[in-house]
Protein backbone atom coordinates (compact mmCIF):
# COMPACT_ATOMS: atom_id res chain seq x y z
CA UNK A 1 113.86 85.67 78.34
CA UNK A 2 114.82 89.04 76.91
CA UNK A 3 112.53 88.69 73.86
CA UNK A 4 109.75 87.75 75.90
CA UNK A 5 110.18 90.69 78.54
CA UNK A 6 110.47 93.31 75.56
CA UNK A 7 107.24 91.98 74.01
CA UNK A 8 105.52 91.94 77.15
CA UNK A 9 106.87 95.78 77.98
CA UNK A 10 105.81 96.88 74.76
CA UNK A 11 102.27 95.44 75.24
CA UNK A 12 101.62 96.70 78.31
CA UNK A 13 103.03 100.62 77.19
CA UNK A 14 100.90 100.44 73.77
CA UNK A 15 97.78 98.83 75.41
CA UNK A 16 98.04 100.53 78.29
CA UNK A 17 93.99 100.72 78.62
CA UNK A 18 93.43 97.16 78.34
CA UNK A 19 96.76 96.30 80.61
CA UNK A 20 95.86 98.37 83.57
CA UNK A 21 92.13 97.49 83.79
CA UNK A 22 92.77 93.81 83.78
CA UNK A 23 96.09 93.05 85.21
CA UNK A 24 97.43 96.29 87.11
CA UNK A 25 94.28 96.72 88.96
CA UNK A 26 93.79 93.54 90.19
CA UNK A 27 97.29 92.95 91.13
CA UNK A 28 98.36 96.43 92.50
CA UNK A 29 97.21 96.05 96.15
CA UNK A 30 99.36 93.23 96.49
CA UNK A 31 102.35 95.53 94.85
CA UNK A 32 101.33 98.31 97.27
CA UNK A 33 101.66 96.13 100.21
CA UNK A 34 104.93 94.41 98.63
CA UNK A 35 106.76 98.26 98.91
CA UNK A 36 104.98 99.51 102.21
CA UNK A 37 106.59 95.99 103.92
CA UNK A 38 109.82 96.21 101.98
CA UNK A 39 109.87 100.27 102.93
CA UNK A 40 109.27 99.34 106.85
CA UNK A 41 111.88 96.46 106.94
CA UNK A 42 114.47 98.25 104.93
CA UNK A 43 114.27 101.46 107.38
CA UNK A 44 113.53 99.50 110.68
CA UNK A 45 116.66 97.44 110.09
CA UNK A 46 118.56 100.59 108.91
CA UNK A 47 119.72 98.62 105.83
CA UNK A 48 119.22 101.33 103.27
CA UNK A 49 122.25 103.45 104.02
CA UNK A 50 124.48 100.64 103.94
CA UNK A 51 123.41 99.37 100.50
CA UNK A 52 123.16 102.24 98.95
CA UNK A 53 126.96 102.57 98.17
CA UNK A 54 126.93 99.14 96.81
CA UNK A 55 123.81 100.12 94.52
CA UNK A 56 126.09 103.16 92.96
CA UNK A 57 128.75 100.95 92.72
CA UNK A 58 126.62 98.36 90.56
CA UNK A 59 125.53 101.56 88.17
CA UNK A 60 128.93 102.82 88.15
CA UNK A 61 129.75 99.04 86.92
CA UNK A 62 127.50 98.98 84.16
CA UNK A 63 128.71 102.43 83.12
CA UNK A 64 132.08 101.02 82.91
CA UNK A 65 130.86 98.14 80.95
CA UNK A 66 129.23 100.05 78.40
CA UNK A 67 132.50 102.17 78.00
CA UNK A 68 134.69 98.95 77.30
CA UNK A 69 132.07 97.73 75.13
CA UNK A 70 132.91 101.06 72.71
CA UNK A 71 130.55 103.35 74.45
CA UNK A 72 128.24 103.76 71.64
CA UNK A 73 124.31 105.30 71.93
CA UNK A 74 122.69 106.84 75.02
CA UNK A 75 122.44 105.54 78.26
CA UNK A 76 118.91 105.57 79.90
CA UNK A 77 116.82 103.62 82.75
CA UNK A 78 115.84 100.29 82.34
CA UNK A 79 112.70 101.35 84.46
CA UNK A 80 109.85 99.88 81.90
CA UNK A 81 107.48 101.87 80.24
CA UNK A 82 104.82 100.65 82.27
CA UNK A 83 106.05 102.53 85.23
CA UNK A 84 106.04 105.84 83.92
CA UNK A 85 104.09 108.50 85.11
CA UNK A 86 103.50 109.85 81.58
CA UNK A 87 101.79 108.37 78.44
CA UNK A 88 104.88 109.42 76.52
CA UNK A 89 106.26 106.70 73.87
CA UNK A 90 109.43 105.07 74.99
CA UNK A 91 110.84 103.86 72.06
CA UNK A 92 114.17 105.25 72.67
CA UNK A 93 114.99 102.87 74.97
CA UNK A 94 114.99 100.16 72.64
CA UNK A 95 118.07 101.87 70.88
CA UNK A 96 119.74 102.94 74.05
CA UNK A 97 122.16 100.86 76.93
CA UNK A 98 119.55 100.44 79.49
CA UNK A 99 121.17 100.87 82.97
CA UNK A 100 119.36 99.01 86.01
CA UNK A 101 118.49 101.12 88.89
CA UNK A 102 117.02 99.63 91.73
CA UNK A 103 117.10 102.53 94.12
CA UNK A 104 113.83 102.74 95.87
CA UNK A 105 114.97 103.70 99.66
CA UNK A 106 114.48 106.71 101.63
CA UNK A 107 118.59 107.13 103.32
CA UNK A 108 117.88 109.34 105.87
CA UNK A 109 116.04 112.55 107.41
CA UNK A 110 117.47 115.39 109.55
CA UNK A 111 114.35 116.81 111.40
CA UNK A 112 115.80 119.45 112.94
CA UNK A 113 117.26 121.10 109.17
CA UNK A 114 114.06 119.42 107.53
CA UNK A 115 115.53 117.70 104.74
CA UNK A 116 115.34 114.02 103.76
CA UNK A 117 117.94 112.13 101.60
CA UNK A 118 116.45 109.63 99.08
CA UNK A 119 117.35 107.62 96.13
CA UNK A 120 116.10 108.30 92.77
CA UNK A 121 113.32 105.98 92.19
CA UNK A 122 111.70 107.11 95.63
CA UNK A 123 107.90 107.80 94.85
CA UNK A 124 105.67 110.66 96.19
CA UNK A 125 103.79 108.08 98.00
CA UNK A 126 106.52 106.03 99.86
CA UNK A 127 107.90 109.62 100.98
CA UNK A 128 104.33 110.68 102.16
CA UNK A 129 103.86 107.63 104.31
CA UNK A 130 107.83 108.20 105.63
CA UNK A 131 107.07 111.57 106.64
CA UNK A 132 103.29 111.61 107.92
CA UNK A 133 103.83 109.88 111.03
CA UNK A 134 106.64 112.18 111.79
CA UNK A 135 104.13 115.18 111.76
CA UNK A 136 105.95 116.38 108.66
CA UNK A 137 105.11 116.73 104.64
CA UNK A 138 107.15 118.02 101.84
CA UNK A 139 106.31 121.40 99.99
CA UNK A 140 106.17 122.51 96.71
CA UNK A 141 107.86 125.84 95.95
C-alpha cells in the first residue's frame, strides 16, 4: 500500500500539469465542499478545541517513536507534494521521517483583541470563509 501511495504521489508531483488538468480539477469541487462542510461542522459543534490537544499529542507521540528508533535523519511533514503551493521538488521527503500533522482547524477567535488561533495547516481560503461573515479579514504587514 505504501509503495502504491508513494508511486502516485511521485506521479502527481512530476506530472503535475497533466495530473491537475485531468484529475485534480474535476475533483476540486467535491474537495472544496468537503472541507467547507467539515469546517462548518467542527466550528458549530465546538469540537476543534477539544481535539486539538489530542492531535498535538499524536504528533508528539510520532516524534517520541522516531527518537526510540534512533532518531536518525530529518523530520518533515507527511503532506504530499501535490498539496504544496510551490512547484519545488520534494525528494528530501523520501529520506526523512514523515510526521502526520492533520491539523486543519480554526480553534478560536477573539474579536475584541482581533486575533485568530489556528492549527498549522489552516489555509487562507478557510480562514477567509470564517472571517468574512464576521465582518473581518486579515491584513498583510
